[in-house]
């Protein structure tokens, strides 16, 4: 071997040693550079197993028991965001539904005012008293509210915390109307001949009721939602978690159904039904007095005794007209 061959061998030896060192530092066996012969299948390469994801959990014991399983139980930050979104959704829908309900109830009274005003003069001529008319209208409205079971819902959210919240709201819906209307009627002069005052007094009671319901829903639901948003960062109790998670991932329709079922806040359909029923029963009570007054003016004793039963027919016809008008408006709105 001459000097040149020795130098080449030495250089090649260094190159081979370096290649071997690099191969030793790499992961897995070296890859063969030999090309397969014609018809020969290439050797299968065993894939490397991926790393198992880290288990994230609020519960340390649960996290420990699930290590090595490769299952993600929950991301605290994602859960917090879900709770925040759910609480804001709850507050928004509760206010929207409360506004919708009180608007329908108030409109029932306004529709009645339009109906009654042209006929009030005839009642005045018969010397009917404002206190009697207001009392009759009050009884009609409260009869509808009791029959519809407004707000008196047995809340079943699974935990005492949620049930207490639902109870506070449902009681305001159910009892608030009675409180406001009775208070307004008591403030009247019972011997007054001002029949317009009787109708306006009832309408004012409806306005106060609408304001009280919206305020109650905003305060109670808003306070609950804010508390849960604050607590989710520090950690929710089991009771709070059970209530909060029941609101997660709900669309508007599902949230509205829950608000009606568990909080007694009527949905759109039931609110419109209340509108028609309140309007019907206010007309019924009004027409008992109106038809009696007309008969008295005509000195028709038989007509006076018939006024009670005839009032039902008038109320049903007027309620039917209103219901059809609302149906047509809804159909036009959808187009």
C-alpha atoms as a PDB file:
ATOM      1  CA  UNK A   1       0.000   0.000   0.000  1.00  0.00           C
ATOM      2  CA  UNK A   2       1.515   3.320  -1.030  1.00  0.00           C
ATOM      3  CA  UNK A   3       1.337   6.581   0.876  1.00  0.00           C
ATOM      4  CA  UNK A   4      -1.631   7.834  -1.137  1.00  0.00           C
ATOM      5  CA  UNK A   5      -3.696   4.677  -0.422  1.00  0.00           C
ATOM      6  CA  UNK A   6      -2.948   4.929   3.260  1.00  0.00           C
ATOM      7  CA  UNK A   7      -4.065   8.522   3.316  1.00  0.00           C
ATOM      8  CA  UNK A   8      -7.318   7.631   1.553  1.00  0.00           C
ATOM      9  CA  UNK A   9      -7.991   4.741   3.914  1.00  0.00           C
ATOM     10  CA  UNK A  10      -7.398   6.938   6.886  1.00  0.00           C
ATOM     11  CA  UNK A  11      -9.763   9.609   5.526  1.00  0.00           C
ATOM     12  CA  UNK A  12     -12.462   7.065   4.721  1.00  0.00           C
ATOM     13  CA  UNK A  13     -12.112   5.589   8.170  1.00  0.00           C
ATOM     14  CA  UNK A  14     -12.765   8.968   9.754  1.00  0.00           C
ATOM     15  CA  UNK A  15     -15.807   9.414   7.534  1.00  0.00           C
ATOM     16  CA  UNK A  16     -17.214   6.028   8.499  1.00  0.00           C
ATOM     17  CA  UNK A  17     -16.605   6.673  12.179  1.00  0.00           C
ATOM     18  CA  UNK A  18     -18.457  10.010  11.993  1.00  0.00           C
ATOM     19  CA  UNK A  19     -21.373   8.425  10.170  1.00  0.00           C
ATOM     20  CA  UNK A  20     -21.525   5.718  12.820  1.00  0.00           C
ATOM     21  CA  UNK A  21     -21.518   8.333  15.595  1.00  0.00           C
ATOM     22  CA  UNK A  22     -24.386  10.227  13.967  1.00  0.00           C
ATOM     23  CA  UNK A  23     -26.303   6.983  13.543  1.00  0.00           C
ATOM     24  CA  UNK A  24     -25.852   6.133  17.214  1.00  0.00           C
ATOM     25  CA  UNK A  25     -27.261   9.548  18.268  1.00  0.00           C
ATOM     26  CA  UNK A  26     -30.358   9.257  16.110  1.00  0.00           C
ATOM     27  CA  UNK A  27     -33.660   7.656  17.221  1.00  0.00           C
ATOM     28  CA  UNK A  28     -34.415   4.178  15.868  1.00  0.00           C
ATOM     29  CA  UNK A  29     -32.368   1.895  13.605  1.00  0.00           C
ATOM     30  CA  UNK A  30     -30.471   3.280  10.582  1.00  0.00           C
ATOM     31  CA  UNK A  31     -32.353   3.393   7.341  1.00  0.00           C
ATOM     32  CA  UNK A  32     -30.959   1.063   4.662  1.00  0.00           C
ATOM     33  CA  UNK A  33     -30.018   2.733   1.406  1.00  0.00           C
ATOM     34  CA  UNK A  34     -30.194  -0.511  -0.575  1.00  0.00           C
ATOM     35  CA  UNK A  35     -32.789  -0.523  -3.319  1.00  0.00           C
ATOM     36  CA  UNK A  36     -35.109  -3.572  -3.400  1.00  0.00           C
ATOM     37  CA  UNK A  37     -34.612  -6.089  -6.181  1.00  0.00           C
ATOM     38  CA  UNK A  38     -37.357  -6.360  -8.849  1.00  0.00           C
ATOM     39  CA  UNK A  39     -40.350  -8.217  -7.309  1.00  0.00           C
ATOM     40  CA  UNK A  40     -39.007  -7.807  -3.789  1.00  0.00           C
ATOM     41  CA  UNK A  41     -41.318  -6.123  -1.250  1.00  0.00           C
ATOM     42  CA  UNK A  42     -39.812  -3.287   0.745  1.00  0.00           C
ATOM     43  CA  UNK A  43     -39.311  -4.011   4.436  1.00  0.00           C
ATOM     44  CA  UNK A  44     -42.063  -2.634   6.667  1.00  0.00           C
ATOM     45  CA  UNK A  45     -41.077   0.210   8.942  1.00  0.00           C
ATOM     46  CA  UNK A  46     -42.662   0.086  12.387  1.00  0.00           C
ATOM     47  CA  UNK A  47     -44.209   3.483  13.162  1.00  0.00           C
ATOM     48  CA  UNK A  48     -43.196   5.273  16.315  1.00  0.00           C
ATOM     49  CA  UNK A  49     -45.905   5.432  19.018  1.00  0.00           C
ATOM     50  CA  UNK A  50     -47.143   8.994  19.590  1.00  0.00           C
ATOM     51  CA  UNK A  51     -46.765  10.555  22.994  1.00  0.00           C
ATOM     52  CA  UNK A  52     -49.867  10.284  25.181  1.00  0.00           C
ATOM     53  CA  UNK A  53     -51.633  13.607  25.800  1.00  0.00           C
ATOM     54  CA  UNK A  54     -51.501  15.148  29.211  1.00  0.00           C
ATOM     55  CA  UNK A  55     -54.549  14.615  31.409  1.00  0.00           C
ATOM     56  CA  UNK A  56     -56.155  17.893  32.484  1.00  0.00           C
ATOM     57  CA  UNK A  57     -58.737  17.814  35.231  1.00  0.00           C
ATOM     58  CA  UNK A  58     -60.117  19.867  38.086  1.00  0.00           C
ATOM     59  CA  UNK A  59     -60.050  16.817  40.335  1.00  0.00           C
ATOM     60  CA  UNK A  60     -56.530  15.859  41.442  1.00  0.00           C
ATOM     61  CA  UNK A  61     -57.545  12.291  42.319  1.00  0.00           C
ATOM     62  CA  UNK A  62     -59.261  11.889  38.980  1.00  0.00           C
ATOM     63  CA  UNK A  63     -56.190  13.283  37.239  1.00  0.00           C
ATOM     64  CA  UNK A  64     -53.909  10.822  39.053  1.00  0.00           C
ATOM     65  CA  UNK A  65     -56.142   7.839  38.251  1.00  0.00           C
ATOM     66  CA  UNK A  66     -56.282   8.775  34.554  1.00  0.00           C
ATOM     67  CA  UNK A  67     -52.559   9.313  33.978  1.00  0.00           C
ATOM     68  CA  UNK A  68     -51.295   7.083  31.257  1.00  0.00           C
ATOM     69  CA  UNK A  69     -54.737   6.524  29.715  1.00  0.00           C
ATOM     70  CA  UNK A  70     -54.328   9.222  27.064  1.00  0.00           C
ATOM     71  CA  UNK A  71     -57.823  10.679  27.822  1.00  0.00           C
ATOM     72  CA  UNK A  72     -58.374  14.417  28.221  1.00  0.00           C
ATOM     73  CA  UNK A  73     -61.003  14.894  30.942  1.00  0.00           C
ATOM     74  CA  UNK A  74     -61.411  18.657  30.699  1.00  0.00           C
ATOM     75  CA  UNK A  75     -59.605  21.903  30.206  1.00  0.00           C
ATOM     76  CA  UNK A  76     -60.178  24.306  33.145  1.00  0.00           C
ATOM     77  CA  UNK A  77     -59.868  27.343  30.893  1.00  0.00           C
ATOM     78  CA  UNK A  78     -62.329  25.899  28.374  1.00  0.00           C
ATOM     79  CA  UNK A  79     -64.780  25.020  31.151  1.00  0.00           C
ATOM     80  CA  UNK A  80     -64.533  28.537  32.567  1.00  0.00           C
ATOM     81  CA  UNK A  81     -65.332  30.001  29.149  1.00  0.00           C
ATOM     82  CA  UNK A  82     -68.292  27.627  28.783  1.00  0.00           C
ATOM     83  CA  UNK A  83     -69.660  28.767  32.150  1.00  0.00           C
ATOM     84  CA  UNK A  84     -69.190  32.449  31.295  1.00  0.00           C
ATOM     85  CA  UNK A  85     -70.975  32.011  27.969  1.00  0.00           C
ATOM     86  CA  UNK A  86     -73.782  29.989  29.555  1.00  0.00           C
ATOM     87  CA  UNK A  87     -74.386  32.565  32.307  1.00  0.00           C
ATOM     88  CA  UNK A  88     -74.487  35.441  29.840  1.00  0.00           C
ATOM     89  CA  UNK A  89     -76.834  33.463  27.617  1.00  0.00           C
ATOM     90  CA  UNK A  90     -79.073  32.762  30.628  1.00  0.00           C
ATOM     91  CA  UNK A  91     -79.192  36.460  31.588  1.00  0.00           C
ATOM     92  CA  UNK A  92     -79.865  37.602  28.025  1.00  0.00           C
ATOM     93  CA  UNK A  93     -82.663  35.108  27.337  1.00  0.00           C
ATOM     94  CA  UNK A  94     -84.285  35.677  30.731  1.00  0.00           C
ATOM     95  CA  UNK A  95     -84.528  39.422  30.055  1.00  0.00           C
ATOM     96  CA  UNK A  96     -85.727  38.878  26.489  1.00  0.00           C
ATOM     97  CA  UNK A  97     -88.454  36.490  27.612  1.00  0.00           C
ATOM     98  CA  UNK A  98     -89.460  38.705  30.545  1.00  0.00           C
ATOM     99  CA  UNK A  99     -89.731  41.672  28.167  1.00  0.00           C
ATOM    100  CA  UNK A 100     -91.761  39.603  25.712  1.00  0.00           C
ATOM    101  CA  UNK A 101     -94.141  38.355  28.377  1.00  0.00           C
ATOM    102  CA  UNK A 102     -94.748  41.719  30.061  1.00  0.00           C
ATOM    103  CA  UNK A 103     -95.213  43.394  26.671  1.00  0.00           C
ATOM    104  CA  UNK A 104     -97.963  40.926  25.740  1.00  0.00           C
ATOM    105  CA  UNK A 105     -99.683  41.406  29.106  1.00  0.00           C
ATOM    106  CA  UNK A 106     -99.476  45.179  28.848  1.00  0.00           C
ATOM    107  CA  UNK A 107    -100.752  45.104  25.261  1.00  0.00           C
ATOM    108  CA  UNK A 108    -103.749  43.088  26.421  1.00  0.00           C
ATOM    109  CA  UNK A 109    -104.698  45.981  28.674  1.00  0.00           C
ATOM    110  CA  UNK A 110    -104.044  48.583  25.971  1.00  0.00           C
ATOM    111  CA  UNK A 111    -106.199  46.622  23.512  1.00  0.00           C
ATOM    112  CA  UNK A 112    -108.945  46.572  26.121  1.00  0.00           C
ATOM    113  CA  UNK A 113    -108.692  50.344  26.618  1.00  0.00           C
ATOM    114  CA  UNK A 114    -109.265  50.882  22.892  1.00  0.00           C
ATOM    115  CA  UNK A 115    -112.279  48.589  23.029  1.00  0.00           C
ATOM    116  CA  UNK A 116    -113.828  50.117  26.151  1.00  0.00           C
ATOM    117  CA  UNK A 117    -113.372  53.862  25.669  1.00  0.00           C
ATOM    118  CA  UNK A 118    -116.151  54.354  23.060  1.00  0.00           C
ATOM    119  CA  UNK A 119    -118.650  52.609  25.355  1.00  0.00           C
ATOM    120  CA  UNK A 120    -117.815  54.261  28.665  1.00  0.00           C
ATOM    121  CA  UNK A 121    -120.246  57.144  28.146  1.00  0.00           C
ATOM    122  CA  UNK A 122    -123.173  54.703  28.004  1.00  0.00           C
ATOM    123  CA  UNK A 123    -122.132  53.254  31.355  1.00  0.00           C
ATOM    124  CA  UNK A 124    -121.818  56.725  32.836  1.00  0.00           C
ATOM    125  CA  UNK A 125    -125.384  57.565  31.869  1.00  0.00           C
ATOM    126  CA  UNK A 126    -126.560  54.529  33.814  1.00  0.00           C
ATOM    127  CA  UNK A 127    -124.832  55.894  36.936  1.00  0.00           C
ATOM    128  CA  UNK A 128    -122.460  52.960  37.272  1.00  0.00           C
ATOM    129  CA  UNK A 129    -119.604  53.541  39.705  1.00  0.00           C
ATOM    130  CA  UNK A 130    -115.926  53.549  38.801  1.00  0.00           C
ATOM    131  CA  UNK A 131    -115.042  51.411  41.816  1.00  0.00           C
ATOM    132  CA  UNK A 132    -117.364  48.624  40.707  1.00  0.00           C
ATOM    133  CA  UNK A 133    -115.942  48.635  37.180  1.00  0.00           C
ATOM    134  CA  UNK A 134    -112.361  48.608  38.431  1.00  0.00           C
ATOM    135  CA  UNK A 135    -113.143  45.762  40.841  1.00  0.00           C
ATOM    136  CA  UNK A 136    -114.777  43.748  38.070  1.00  0.00           C
ATOM    137  CA  UNK A 137    -111.816  44.240  35.730  1.00  0.00           C
ATOM    138  CA  UNK A 138    -109.429  43.305  38.533  1.00  0.00           C
ATOM    139  CA  UNK A 139    -111.245  40.035  39.204  1.00  0.00           C
ATOM    140  CA  UNK A 140    -111.236  39.184  35.532  1.00  0.00           C
ATOM    141  CA  UNK A 141    -107.482  39.675  35.188  1.00  0.00           C
ATOM    142  CA  UNK A 142    -106.612  37.781  38.347  1.00  0.00           C
ATOM    143  CA  UNK A 143    -108.868  34.931  37.312  1.00  0.00           C
ATOM    144  CA  UNK A 144    -106.867  34.527  34.095  1.00  0.00           C
ATOM    145  CA  UNK A 145    -103.534  34.673  35.927  1.00  0.00           C
ATOM    146  CA  UNK A 146    -104.645  32.024  38.409  1.00  0.00           C
ATOM    147  CA  UNK A 147    -106.075  29.791  35.682  1.00  0.00           C
ATOM    148  CA  UNK A 148    -102.911  29.997  33.605  1.00  0.00           C
ATOM    149  CA  UNK A 149    -100.698  29.245  36.594  1.00  0.00           C
ATOM    150  CA  UNK A 150     -98.407  32.163  35.816  1.00  0.00           C
ATOM    151  CA  UNK A 151     -95.115  31.606  37.551  1.00  0.00           C
ATOM    152  CA  UNK A 152     -96.334  28.887  39.908  1.00  0.00           C
ATOM    153  CA  UNK A 153     -93.889  26.340  38.593  1.00  0.00           C
ATOM    154  CA  UNK A 154     -92.297  23.609  40.678  1.00  0.00           C
ATOM    155  CA  UNK A 155     -88.699  24.313  39.758  1.00  0.00           C
ATOM    156  CA  UNK A 156     -86.615  21.151  39.393  1.00  0.00           C
ATOM    157  CA  UNK A 157     -83.062  22.160  38.618  1.00  0.00           C
ATOM    158  CA  UNK A 158     -81.635  19.327  40.705  1.00  0.00           C
ATOM    159  CA  UNK A 159     -80.188  21.494  43.460  1.00  0.00           C
ATOM    160  CA  UNK A 160     -81.602  23.719  46.201  1.00  0.00           C
ATOM    161  CA  UNK A 161     -79.534  26.625  44.895  1.00  0.00           C
ATOM    162  CA  UNK A 162     -81.280  26.653  41.523  1.00  0.00           C
ATOM    163  CA  UNK A 163     -84.697  25.969  43.011  1.00  0.00           C
ATOM    164  CA  UNK A 164     -84.433  28.958  45.342  1.00  0.00           C
ATOM    165  CA  UNK A 165     -83.606  31.254  42.430  1.00  0.00           C
ATOM    166  CA  UNK A 166     -86.506  29.896  40.388  1.00  0.00           C
ATOM    167  CA  UNK A 167     -88.873  30.268  43.355  1.00  0.00           C
ATOM    168  CA  UNK A 168     -88.036  33.958  43.803  1.00  0.00           C
ATOM    169  CA  UNK A 169     -88.679  34.748  40.136  1.00  0.00           C
ATOM    170  CA  UNK A 170     -91.818  32.649  39.784  1.00  0.00           C
ATOM    171  CA  UNK A 171     -93.383  34.227  42.865  1.00  0.00           C
ATOM    172  CA  UNK A 172     -92.825  37.701  41.448  1.00  0.00           C
ATOM    173  CA  UNK A 173     -94.493  36.649  38.184  1.00  0.00           C
ATOM    174  CA  UNK A 174     -97.436  35.035  39.931  1.00  0.00           C
ATOM    175  CA  UNK A 175     -98.059  37.429  42.808  1.00  0.00           C
ATOM    176  CA  UNK A 176     -96.707  40.667  41.370  1.00  0.00           C
ATOM    177  CA  UNK A 177     -99.702  41.274  39.113  1.00  0.00           C
ATOM    178  CA  UNK A 178    -102.124  40.891  41.993  1.00  0.00           C
ATOM    179  CA  UNK A 179    -100.056  43.185  44.213  1.00  0.00           C
ATOM    180  CA  UNK A 180     -99.876  45.958  41.650  1.00  0.00           C
ATOM    181  CA  UNK A 181    -103.502  45.844  40.513  1.00  0.00           C
ATOM    182  CA  UNK A 182    -104.954  45.540  44.002  1.00  0.00           C
ATOM    183  CA  UNK A 183    -102.784  48.419  45.167  1.00  0.00           C
ATOM    184  CA  UNK A 184    -103.980  50.616  42.322  1.00  0.00           C
ATOM    185  CA  UNK A 185    -107.664  49.796  42.842  1.00  0.00           C
ATOM    186  CA  UNK A 186    -107.416  50.469  46.580  1.00  0.00           C
ATOM    187  CA  UNK A 187    -106.056  53.926  45.828  1.00  0.00           C
ATOM    188  CA  UNK A 188    -109.234  54.848  43.947  1.00  0.00           C
ATOM    189  CA  UNK A 189    -112.194  56.760  45.255  1.00  0.00           C
ATOM    190  CA  UNK A 190    -114.818  54.018  45.345  1.00  0.00           C
ATOM    191  CA  UNK A 191    -117.697  56.449  44.973  1.00  0.00           C
ATOM    192  CA  UNK A 192    -116.213  58.167  41.939  1.00  0.00           C
ATOM    193  CA  UNK A 193    -118.174  58.390  38.697  1.00  0.00           C
ATOM    194  CA  UNK A 194    -114.971  58.704  36.665  1.00  0.00           C
ATOM    195  CA  UNK A 195    -115.070  55.465  34.701  1.00  0.00           C
ATOM    196  CA  UNK A 196    -112.100  56.507  32.590  1.00  0.00           C
ATOM    197  CA  UNK A 197    -110.141  56.598  35.824  1.00  0.00           C
ATOM    198  CA  UNK A 198    -111.133  53.002  36.526  1.00  0.00           C
ATOM    199  CA  UNK A 199    -109.779  51.797  33.194  1.00  0.00           C
ATOM    200  CA  UNK A 200    -106.658  53.957  33.435  1.00  0.00           C
ATOM    201  CA  UNK A 201    -106.002  52.748  36.982  1.00  0.00           C
ATOM    202  CA  UNK A 202    -105.990  49.119  35.857  1.00  0.00           C
ATOM    203  CA  UNK A 203    -103.690  50.010  32.961  1.00  0.00           C
ATOM    204  CA  UNK A 204    -101.310  51.750  35.353  1.00  0.00           C
ATOM    205  CA  UNK A 205    -101.231  48.605  37.488  1.00  0.00           C
ATOM    206  CA  UNK A 206    -100.171  46.616  34.429  1.00  0.00           C
ATOM    207  CA  UNK A 207     -97.351  49.072  33.739  1.00  0.00           C
ATOM    208  CA  UNK A 208     -96.053  48.817  37.291  1.00  0.00           C
ATOM    209  CA  UNK A 209     -96.250  45.031  37.077  1.00  0.00           C
ATOM    210  CA  UNK A 210     -94.266  44.939  33.842  1.00  0.00           C
ATOM    211  CA  UNK A 211     -91.564  47.126  35.362  1.00  0.00           C
ATOM    212  CA  UNK A 212     -91.416  45.023  38.555  1.00  0.00           C
ATOM    213  CA  UNK A 213     -91.107  41.741  36.652  1.00  0.00           C
ATOM    214  CA  UNK A 214     -88.273  43.002  34.462  1.00  0.00           C
ATOM    215  CA  UNK A 215     -86.471  44.446  37.478  1.00  0.00           C
ATOM    216  CA  UNK A 216     -86.830  41.201  39.423  1.00  0.00           C
ATOM    217  CA  UNK A 217     -85.563  39.047  36.565  1.00  0.00           C
ATOM    218  CA  UNK A 218     -82.654  41.388  35.914  1.00  0.00           C
ATOM    219  CA  UNK A 219     -81.654  41.481  39.585  1.00  0.00           C
ATOM    220  CA  UNK A 220     -82.158  37.812  40.480  1.00  0.00           C
ATOM    221  CA  UNK A 221     -80.877  36.140  37.329  1.00  0.00           C
ATOM    222  CA  UNK A 222     -78.206  38.781  36.761  1.00  0.00           C
ATOM    223  CA  UNK A 223     -76.924  38.417  40.315  1.00  0.00           C
ATOM    224  CA  UNK A 224     -76.882  34.621  40.056  1.00  0.00           C
ATOM    225  CA  UNK A 225     -75.019  34.719  36.743  1.00  0.00           C
ATOM    226  CA  UNK A 226     -72.453  37.220  38.048  1.00  0.00           C
ATOM    227  CA  UNK A 227     -71.844  35.125  41.172  1.00  0.00           C
ATOM    228  CA  UNK A 228     -71.255  31.987  39.116  1.00  0.00           C
ATOM    229  CA  UNK A 229     -68.902  33.856  36.763  1.00  0.00           C
ATOM    230  CA  UNK A 230     -66.856  35.032  39.744  1.00  0.00           C
ATOM    231  CA  UNK A 231     -66.834  31.665  41.502  1.00  0.00           C
ATOM    232  CA  UNK A 232     -65.827  29.576  38.500  1.00  0.00           C
ATOM    233  CA  UNK A 233     -62.317  31.050  38.730  1.00  0.00           C
ATOM    234  CA  UNK A 234     -61.952  30.158  42.404  1.00  0.00           C
ATOM    235  CA  UNK A 235     -63.833  26.874  42.180  1.00  0.00           C
ATOM    236  CA  UNK A 236     -67.507  25.895  42.194  1.00  0.00           C
ATOM    237  CA  UNK A 237     -69.107  23.678  44.804  1.00  0.00           C
ATOM    238  CA  UNK A 238     -70.799  20.448  43.707  1.00  0.00           C
ATOM    239  CA  UNK A 239     -74.226  22.104  44.047  1.00  0.00           C
ATOM    240  CA  UNK A 240     -73.162  25.117  41.998  1.00  0.00           C
ATOM    241  CA  UNK A 241     -71.547  22.933  39.340  1.00  0.00           C
ATOM    242  CA  UNK A 242     -74.727  20.840  39.022  1.00  0.00           C
ATOM    243  CA  UNK A 243     -76.830  23.956  38.376  1.00  0.00           C
ATOM    244  CA  UNK A 244     -74.352  25.751  36.117  1.00  0.00           C
ATOM    245  CA  UNK A 245     -73.650  22.780  33.850  1.00  0.00           C
ATOM    246  CA  UNK A 246     -77.376  22.407  33.142  1.00  0.00           C
ATOM    247  CA  UNK A 247     -77.212  25.689  31.194  1.00  0.00           C
ATOM    248  CA  UNK A 248     -74.141  24.873  29.062  1.00  0.00           C
ATOM    249  CA  UNK A 249     -74.475  24.346  25.291  1.00  0.00           C
ATOM    250  CA  UNK A 250     -78.155  25.397  25.139  1.00  0.00           C
ATOM    251  CA  UNK A 251     -79.534  27.157  22.069  1.00  0.00           C
ATOM    252  CA  UNK A 252     -82.125  29.926  22.411  1.00  0.00           C
ATOM    253  CA  UNK A 253     -85.073  27.566  22.048  1.00  0.00           C
ATOM    254  CA  UNK A 254     -83.814  25.182  24.722  1.00  0.00           C
ATOM    255  CA  UNK A 255     -82.983  28.042  27.090  1.00  0.00           C
ATOM    256  CA  UNK A 256     -86.446  29.574  26.635  1.00  0.00           C
ATOM    257  CA  UNK A 257     -88.050  26.199  27.361  1.00  0.00           C
ATOM    258  CA  UNK A 258     -86.007  25.848  30.554  1.00  0.00           C
ATOM    259  CA  UNK A 259     -86.878  29.389  31.669  1.00  0.00           C
ATOM    260  CA  UNK A 260     -90.578  28.616  31.238  1.00  0.00           C
ATOM    261  CA  UNK A 261     -90.405  25.159  32.776  1.00  0.00           C
ATOM    262  CA  UNK A 262     -88.205  25.943  35.755  1.00  0.00           C
ATOM    263  CA  UNK A 263     -88.583  29.690  36.335  1.00  0.00           C
ATOM    264  CA  UNK A 264     -92.156  30.254  35.210  1.00  0.00           C
ATOM    265  CA  UNK A 265     -91.193  32.918  32.637  1.00  0.00           C
ATOM    266  CA  UNK A 266     -93.656  32.279  29.791  1.00  0.00           C
ATOM    267  CA  UNK A 267     -92.311  31.698  26.310  1.00  0.00           C
ATOM    268  CA  UNK A 268     -93.619  33.468  23.230  1.00  0.00           C
ATOM    269  CA  UNK A 269     -96.551  31.123  22.648  1.00  0.00           C
ATOM    270  CA  UNK A 270     -97.773  31.180  26.224  1.00  0.00           C
ATOM    271  CA  UNK A 271     -97.294  34.954  26.476  1.00  0.00           C
ATOM    272  CA  UNK A 272     -99.550  35.487  23.457  1.00  0.00           C
ATOM    273  CA  UNK A 273    -102.080  33.103  24.908  1.00  0.00           C
ATOM    274  CA  UNK A 274    -102.068  35.227  28.079  1.00  0.00           C
ATOM    275  CA  UNK A 275    -102.587  38.345  25.945  1.00  0.00           C
ATOM    276  CA  UNK A 276    -105.757  36.948  24.370  1.00  0.00           C
ATOM    277  CA  UNK A 277    -107.140  35.493  27.614  1.00  0.00           C
ATOM    278  CA  UNK A 278    -106.626  38.679  29.634  1.00  0.00           C
ATOM    279  CA  UNK A 279    -108.227  40.730  26.856  1.00  0.00           C
ATOM    280  CA  UNK A 280    -111.167  38.310  26.693  1.00  0.00           C
ATOM    281  CA  UNK A 281    -111.853  38.295  30.441  1.00  0.00           C
ATOM    282  CA  UNK A 282    -111.550  42.068  30.781  1.00  0.00           C
ATOM    283  CA  UNK A 283    -114.137  42.480  28.014  1.00  0.00           C
ATOM    284  CA  UNK A 284    -116.358  39.873  29.666  1.00  0.00           C
ATOM    285  CA  UNK A 285    -116.365  41.747  32.982  1.00  0.00           C
ATOM    286  CA  UNK A 286    -116.738  45.087  31.236  1.00  0.00           C
ATOM    287  CA  UNK A 287    -119.671  43.906  29.121  1.00  0.00           C
ATOM    288  CA  UNK A 288    -121.530  42.574  32.143  1.00  0.00           C
ATOM    289  CA  UNK A 289    -121.670  46.158  33.385  1.00  0.00           C
ATOM    290  CA  UNK A 290    -122.059  47.720  29.931  1.00  0.00           C
ATOM    291  CA  UNK A 291    -124.959  45.520  28.801  1.00  0.00           C
ATOM    292  CA  UNK A 292    -126.629  45.921  32.177  1.00  0.00           C
ATOM    293  CA  UNK A 293    -126.290  49.693  31.800  1.00  0.00           C
ATOM    294  CA  UNK A 294    -127.831  49.638  28.305  1.00  0.00           C
ATOM    295  CA  UNK A 295    -130.761  47.563  29.555  1.00  0.00           C
ATOM    296  CA  UNK A 296    -131.239  49.919  32.477  1.00  0.00           C
ATOM    297  CA  UNK A 297    -131.345  52.881  30.140  1.00  0.00           C
ATOM    298  CA  UNK A 298    -133.969  51.048  28.065  1.00  0.00           C
ATOM    299  CA  UNK A 299    -135.803  49.982  31.250  1.00  0.00           C
ATOM    300  CA  UNK A 300    -135.431  46.393  30.063  1.00  0.00           C
ATOM    301  CA  UNK A 301    -135.442  44.202  33.178  1.00  0.00           C
ATOM    302  CA  UNK A 302    -135.122  41.018  31.136  1.00  0.00           C
ATOM    303  CA  UNK A 303    -132.162  42.465  29.322  1.00  0.00           C
ATOM    304  CA  UNK A 304    -130.514  43.314  32.626  1.00  0.00           C
ATOM    305  CA  UNK A 305    -130.747  39.703  33.752  1.00  0.00           C
ATOM    306  CA  UNK A 306    -129.451  38.528  30.363  1.00  0.00           C
ATOM    307  CA  UNK A 307    -126.413  40.817  30.457  1.00  0.00           C
ATOM    308  CA  UNK A 308    -124.325  38.294  32.375  1.00  0.00           C
ATOM    309  CA  UNK A 309    -124.669  35.464  29.841  1.00  0.00           C
ATOM    310  CA  UNK A 310    -124.496  37.733  26.786  1.00  0.00           C
ATOM    311  CA  UNK A 311    -121.214  39.194  27.991  1.00  0.00           C
ATOM    312  CA  UNK A 312    -119.536  35.821  27.436  1.00  0.00           C
ATOM    313  CA  UNK A 313    -120.550  35.764  23.767  1.00  0.00           C
ATOM    314  CA  UNK A 314    -119.284  39.289  23.149  1.00  0.00           C
ATOM    315  CA  UNK A 315    -115.975  38.509  24.875  1.00  0.00           C
ATOM    316  CA  UNK A 316    -115.482  35.311  22.878  1.00  0.00           C
ATOM    317  CA  UNK A 317    -116.108  37.066  19.569  1.00  0.00           C
ATOM    318  CA  UNK A 318    -113.720  39.910  20.355  1.00  0.00           C
ATOM    319  CA  UNK A 319    -111.039  37.496  21.569  1.00  0.00           C
ATOM    320  CA  UNK A 320    -111.435  35.521  18.348  1.00  0.00           C
ATOM    321  CA  UNK A 321    -110.891  38.663  16.291  1.00  0.00           C
ATOM    322  CA  UNK A 322    -107.764  39.532  18.245  1.00  0.00           C
ATOM    323  CA  UNK A 323    -106.396  36.011  17.958  1.00  0.00           C
ATOM    324  CA  UNK A 324    -106.905  36.020  14.190  1.00  0.00           C
ATOM    325  CA  UNK A 325    -105.272  39.446  13.884  1.00  0.00           C
ATOM    326  CA  UNK A 326    -102.228  38.222  15.827  1.00  0.00           C
ATOM    327  CA  UNK A 327    -102.031  35.105  13.655  1.00  0.00           C
ATOM    328  CA  UNK A 328    -102.070  37.163  10.469  1.00  0.00           C
ATOM    329  CA  UNK A 329     -99.388  39.501  11.807  1.00  0.00           C
ATOM    330  CA  UNK A 330     -97.180  36.552  12.708  1.00  0.00           C
ATOM    331  CA  UNK A 331     -97.654  35.003   9.273  1.00  0.00           C
ATOM    332  CA  UNK A 332     -96.767  38.283   7.565  1.00  0.00           C
ATOM    333  CA  UNK A 333     -93.692  38.635   9.746  1.00  0.00           C
ATOM    334  CA  UNK A 334     -92.402  35.207   8.707  1.00  0.00           C
ATOM    335  CA  UNK A 335     -92.658  35.993   4.987  1.00  0.00           C
END
